[in-house]
């Protein structure tokens, strides 16, 4: 009976060691996935900032006005001559 105790302890030690190795492997794998996701998040944040800057510069009044007049839309400025006024009586 006393000779079996070291074997049982050795088996428990080996199983514990294998469990530790497996958990460390999974933790490293998850850590790599988190790092990859964080890098992708940083890239998307950078693209988002660039798109916001592009949108703000494209939505300026002068840019919109020049595109409306010369961008093939044939839009003209509103004046009294080309405006129809409706009167309700």
N, C-alpha and C. Protein backbone atom coordinates (compact mmCIF):
# COMPACT_ATOMS: atom_id res chain seq x y z
N UNK A 1 0.82 -1.19 0.00
CA UNK A 1 0.00 0.00 0.00
C UNK A 1 0.86 1.26 0.00
N UNK A 2 1.95 1.23 0.77
CA UNK A 2 2.83 2.39 0.84
C UNK A 2 3.56 2.60 -0.48
N UNK A 3 3.80 1.55 -1.26
CA UNK A 3 4.49 1.67 -2.53
C UNK A 3 3.59 2.30 -3.59
N UNK A 4 2.30 2.22 -3.41
CA UNK A 4 1.37 2.79 -4.40
C UNK A 4 1.22 4.31 -4.25
N UNK A 5 1.45 4.84 -3.08
CA UNK A 5 1.27 6.28 -2.85
C UNK A 5 2.19 7.12 -3.73
N UNK A 6 3.48 6.80 -3.86
CA UNK A 6 4.33 7.61 -4.76
C UNK A 6 3.85 7.56 -6.21
N UNK A 7 3.33 6.42 -6.65
CA UNK A 7 2.85 6.31 -8.03
C UNK A 7 1.59 7.17 -8.23
N UNK A 8 0.72 7.15 -7.27
CA UNK A 8 -0.50 7.96 -7.34
C UNK A 8 -0.12 9.44 -7.35
N UNK A 9 0.81 9.81 -6.50
CA UNK A 9 1.26 11.20 -6.47
C UNK A 9 1.94 11.60 -7.77
N UNK A 10 2.72 10.67 -8.34
CA UNK A 10 3.39 10.94 -9.62
C UNK A 10 2.36 11.13 -10.73
N UNK A 11 1.34 10.32 -10.76
CA UNK A 11 0.30 10.45 -11.79
C UNK A 11 -0.45 11.77 -11.60
N UNK A 12 -0.78 12.10 -10.36
CA UNK A 12 -1.46 13.38 -10.08
C UNK A 12 -0.57 14.55 -10.51
N UNK A 13 0.72 14.45 -10.23
CA UNK A 13 1.66 15.51 -10.62
C UNK A 13 1.72 15.65 -12.14
N UNK A 14 1.77 14.54 -12.87
CA UNK A 14 1.83 14.58 -14.33
C UNK A 14 0.55 15.18 -14.91
N UNK A 15 -0.60 14.75 -14.38
CA UNK A 15 -1.88 15.29 -14.86
C UNK A 15 -1.96 16.80 -14.58
N UNK A 16 -1.51 17.20 -13.41
CA UNK A 16 -1.51 18.63 -13.07
C UNK A 16 -0.59 19.41 -14.00
N UNK A 17 0.57 18.87 -14.29
CA UNK A 17 1.52 19.54 -15.18
C UNK A 17 0.93 19.67 -16.58
N UNK A 18 0.29 18.62 -17.08
CA UNK A 18 -0.34 18.68 -18.40
C UNK A 18 -1.48 19.69 -18.42
N UNK A 19 -2.24 19.75 -17.35
CA UNK A 19 -3.30 20.75 -17.25
C UNK A 19 -2.74 22.17 -17.26
N UNK A 20 -1.64 22.38 -16.57
CA UNK A 20 -0.99 23.69 -16.54
C UNK A 20 -0.49 24.07 -17.93
N UNK A 21 0.14 23.12 -18.60
CA UNK A 21 0.65 23.39 -19.95
C UNK A 21 -0.51 23.75 -20.89
N UNK A 22 -1.60 23.00 -20.79
CA UNK A 22 -2.76 23.25 -21.64
C UNK A 22 -3.36 24.62 -21.35
N UNK A 23 -3.49 24.99 -20.09
CA UNK A 23 -4.08 26.28 -19.76
C UNK A 23 -3.17 27.43 -20.18
N UNK A 24 -1.86 27.27 -20.08
CA UNK A 24 -0.93 28.31 -20.53
C UNK A 24 -0.99 28.47 -22.05
N UNK A 25 -1.11 27.36 -22.76
CA UNK A 25 -1.22 27.41 -24.22
C UNK A 25 -2.49 28.17 -24.63
N UNK A 26 -3.60 27.85 -23.98
CA UNK A 26 -4.86 28.54 -24.30
C UNK A 26 -4.79 30.01 -23.95
N UNK A 27 -4.15 30.33 -22.82
CA UNK A 27 -4.02 31.73 -22.42
C UNK A 27 -3.18 32.51 -23.42
N UNK A 28 -2.11 31.92 -23.90
CA UNK A 28 -1.26 32.59 -24.90
C UNK A 28 -2.00 32.77 -26.21
N UNK A 29 -2.77 31.76 -26.59
CA UNK A 29 -3.55 31.84 -27.82
C UNK A 29 -4.60 32.95 -27.73
N UNK A 30 -5.28 33.04 -26.60
CA UNK A 30 -6.28 34.09 -26.39
C UNK A 30 -5.61 35.45 -26.35
N UNK A 31 -4.45 35.54 -25.71
CA UNK A 31 -3.72 36.80 -25.65
C UNK A 31 -3.33 37.27 -27.06
N UNK A 32 -2.91 36.34 -27.91
CA UNK A 32 -2.57 36.70 -29.29
C UNK A 32 -3.80 37.20 -30.04
N UNK A 33 -4.94 36.59 -29.79
CA UNK A 33 -6.18 37.04 -30.43
C UNK A 33 -6.57 38.43 -29.95
N UNK A 34 -6.38 38.68 -28.66
CA UNK A 34 -6.69 40.01 -28.11
C UNK A 34 -5.76 41.06 -28.71
N UNK A 35 -4.49 40.75 -28.82
CA UNK A 35 -3.54 41.69 -29.43
C UNK A 35 -3.91 41.98 -30.87
N UNK A 36 -4.30 40.96 -31.61
CA UNK A 36 -4.70 41.15 -33.01
C UNK A 36 -5.95 42.01 -33.09
N UNK A 37 -6.92 41.78 -32.20
CA UNK A 37 -8.14 42.57 -32.19
C UNK A 37 -7.85 44.02 -31.82
N UNK A 38 -6.94 44.24 -30.88
CA UNK A 38 -6.58 45.60 -30.50
C UNK A 38 -5.88 46.33 -31.63
N UNK A 39 -5.03 45.63 -32.37
CA UNK A 39 -4.36 46.25 -33.52
C UNK A 39 -5.39 46.61 -34.59
N UNK A 40 -6.35 45.74 -34.80
CA UNK A 40 -7.41 46.03 -35.77
C UNK A 40 -8.26 47.21 -35.30
N UNK A 41 -8.52 47.28 -34.01
CA UNK A 41 -9.27 48.41 -33.45
C UNK A 41 -8.53 49.72 -33.67
N UNK A 42 -7.22 49.72 -33.43
CA UNK A 42 -6.42 50.93 -33.66
C UNK A 42 -6.48 51.35 -35.13
N UNK A 43 -6.39 50.36 -36.03
CA UNK A 43 -6.45 50.66 -37.46
C UNK A 43 -7.81 51.24 -37.84
N UNK A 44 -8.87 50.65 -37.31
CA UNK A 44 -10.21 51.15 -37.62
C UNK A 44 -10.44 52.54 -37.02
N UNK A 45 -9.89 52.79 -35.85
CA UNK A 45 -9.99 54.13 -35.25
C UNK A 45 -9.27 55.16 -36.12
N UNK A 46 -8.12 54.79 -36.65
CA UNK A 46 -7.38 55.68 -37.53
C UNK A 46 -8.19 55.97 -38.79
N UNK A 47 -8.76 54.93 -39.40
CA UNK A 47 -9.57 55.12 -40.60
C UNK A 47 -10.79 55.97 -40.30
N UNK A 48 -11.41 55.76 -39.13
CA UNK A 48 -12.58 56.54 -38.73
C UNK A 48 -12.23 58.01 -38.61
N UNK A 49 -11.10 58.31 -38.01
CA UNK A 49 -10.66 59.69 -37.89
C UNK A 49 -10.42 60.33 -39.25
N UNK A 50 -9.81 59.57 -40.16
CA UNK A 50 -9.56 60.09 -41.50
C UNK A 50 -10.87 60.35 -42.24
N UNK A 51 -11.83 59.44 -42.07
CA UNK A 51 -13.13 59.63 -42.73
C UNK A 51 -13.88 60.82 -42.16
N UNK A 52 -13.79 61.02 -40.84
CA UNK A 52 -14.44 62.19 -40.25
C UNK A 52 -13.81 63.48 -40.76
N UNK A 53 -12.48 63.49 -40.88
CA UNK A 53 -11.79 64.68 -41.41
C UNK A 53 -12.21 64.93 -42.85
N UNK A 54 -12.28 63.87 -43.63
CA UNK A 54 -12.68 63.99 -45.04
C UNK A 54 -14.12 64.50 -45.14
N UNK A 55 -15.00 63.99 -44.28
CA UNK A 55 -16.39 64.42 -44.30
C UNK A 55 -16.50 65.90 -43.91
N UNK A 56 -15.77 66.32 -42.89
CA UNK A 56 -15.87 67.71 -42.46
C UNK A 56 -15.34 68.65 -43.53
N UNK A 57 -14.29 68.24 -44.23
CA UNK A 57 -13.77 69.12 -45.29
C UNK A 57 -14.68 69.11 -46.51
N UNK A 58 -15.35 67.98 -46.79
CA UNK A 58 -16.24 67.91 -47.94
C UNK A 58 -17.57 68.60 -47.68
N UNK A 59 -17.92 68.78 -46.42
CA UNK A 59 -19.21 69.39 -46.12
C UNK A 59 -19.12 70.90 -45.91
N UNK A 60 -17.96 71.47 -46.14
CA UNK A 60 -17.83 72.93 -46.03
C UNK A 60 -18.67 73.58 -47.12
N UNK A 61 -19.21 74.73 -46.79
CA UNK A 61 -20.14 75.41 -47.69
C UNK A 61 -19.51 75.68 -49.06
N UNK A 62 -18.28 76.13 -49.08
CA UNK A 62 -17.65 76.47 -50.35
C UNK A 62 -17.46 75.24 -51.24
N UNK A 63 -17.15 74.11 -50.64
CA UNK A 63 -16.97 72.88 -51.42
C UNK A 63 -18.29 72.42 -51.99
N UNK A 64 -19.33 72.44 -51.16
CA UNK A 64 -20.66 72.02 -51.61
C UNK A 64 -21.15 72.95 -52.72
N UNK A 65 -20.95 74.23 -52.52
CA UNK A 65 -21.40 75.21 -53.51
C UNK A 65 -20.69 75.02 -54.85
N UNK A 66 -19.38 74.84 -54.83
CA UNK A 66 -18.65 74.67 -56.09
C UNK A 66 -19.03 73.36 -56.78
N UNK A 67 -19.27 72.32 -56.02
CA UNK A 67 -19.69 71.05 -56.64
C UNK A 67 -21.09 71.16 -57.21
N UNK A 68 -21.94 71.91 -56.55
CA UNK A 68 -23.31 72.08 -57.03
C UNK A 68 -23.34 72.88 -58.33
N UNK A 69 -22.50 73.89 -58.43
CA UNK A 69 -22.50 74.73 -59.62
C UNK A 69 -21.74 74.12 -60.79
N UNK A 70 -20.60 73.50 -60.53
CA UNK A 70 -19.78 73.02 -61.64
C UNK A 70 -19.63 71.50 -61.66
N UNK A 71 -20.29 70.82 -60.79
CA UNK A 71 -20.12 69.37 -60.70
C UNK A 71 -21.05 68.57 -61.59
N UNK A 72 -21.64 69.21 -62.60
CA UNK A 72 -22.51 68.48 -63.51
C UNK A 72 -23.95 68.42 -63.04
N UNK A 73 -24.28 69.12 -61.97
CA UNK A 73 -25.65 69.11 -61.48
C UNK A 73 -26.46 70.27 -62.04
N UNK A 74 -25.79 71.19 -62.68
CA UNK A 74 -26.44 72.36 -63.27
C UNK A 74 -27.32 73.10 -62.28
N UNK A 75 -26.84 73.26 -61.09
CA UNK A 75 -27.58 74.01 -60.08
C UNK A 75 -27.15 75.47 -60.15
N UNK A 76 -28.10 76.37 -59.88
CA UNK A 76 -27.81 77.80 -59.90
C UNK A 76 -28.18 78.40 -58.56
N UNK A 77 -27.62 79.56 -58.30
CA UNK A 77 -27.88 80.27 -57.06
C UNK A 77 -29.32 80.81 -57.08
N UNK A 78 -29.96 80.83 -55.93
CA UNK A 78 -31.32 81.35 -55.82
C UNK A 78 -31.27 82.88 -55.83
N UNK A 79 -32.03 83.43 -56.75
CA UNK A 79 -32.17 84.89 -56.83
C UNK A 79 -33.65 85.21 -56.96
N UNK A 80 -33.98 86.50 -56.89
CA UNK A 80 -35.38 86.90 -57.06
C UNK A 80 -35.87 86.61 -58.47
N UNK A 81 -34.96 86.68 -59.43
CA UNK A 81 -35.34 86.48 -60.83
C UNK A 81 -35.74 85.03 -61.11
N UNK A 82 -35.13 84.08 -60.44
CA UNK A 82 -35.46 82.68 -60.73
C UNK A 82 -36.27 82.02 -59.60
N UNK A 83 -36.92 82.84 -58.79
CA UNK A 83 -37.73 82.32 -57.69
C UNK A 83 -39.19 82.65 -57.93
N UNK A 84 -40.07 81.69 -57.74
CA UNK A 84 -41.50 81.92 -57.84
C UNK A 84 -42.06 82.09 -56.45
N UNK A 85 -42.82 83.16 -56.27
CA UNK A 85 -43.43 83.41 -54.97
C UNK A 85 -44.91 83.05 -55.06
N UNK A 86 -45.40 82.32 -54.12
CA UNK A 86 -46.80 81.95 -54.06
C UNK A 86 -47.50 82.78 -53.00
N UNK A 87 -48.66 83.29 -53.36
CA UNK A 87 -49.42 84.08 -52.40
C UNK A 87 -50.72 83.35 -52.10
N UNK A 88 -51.03 83.31 -50.85
CA UNK A 88 -52.30 82.74 -50.46
C UNK A 88 -53.19 83.84 -49.95
N UNK A 89 -54.40 83.89 -50.47
CA UNK A 89 -55.33 84.96 -50.08
C UNK A 89 -56.60 84.36 -49.52
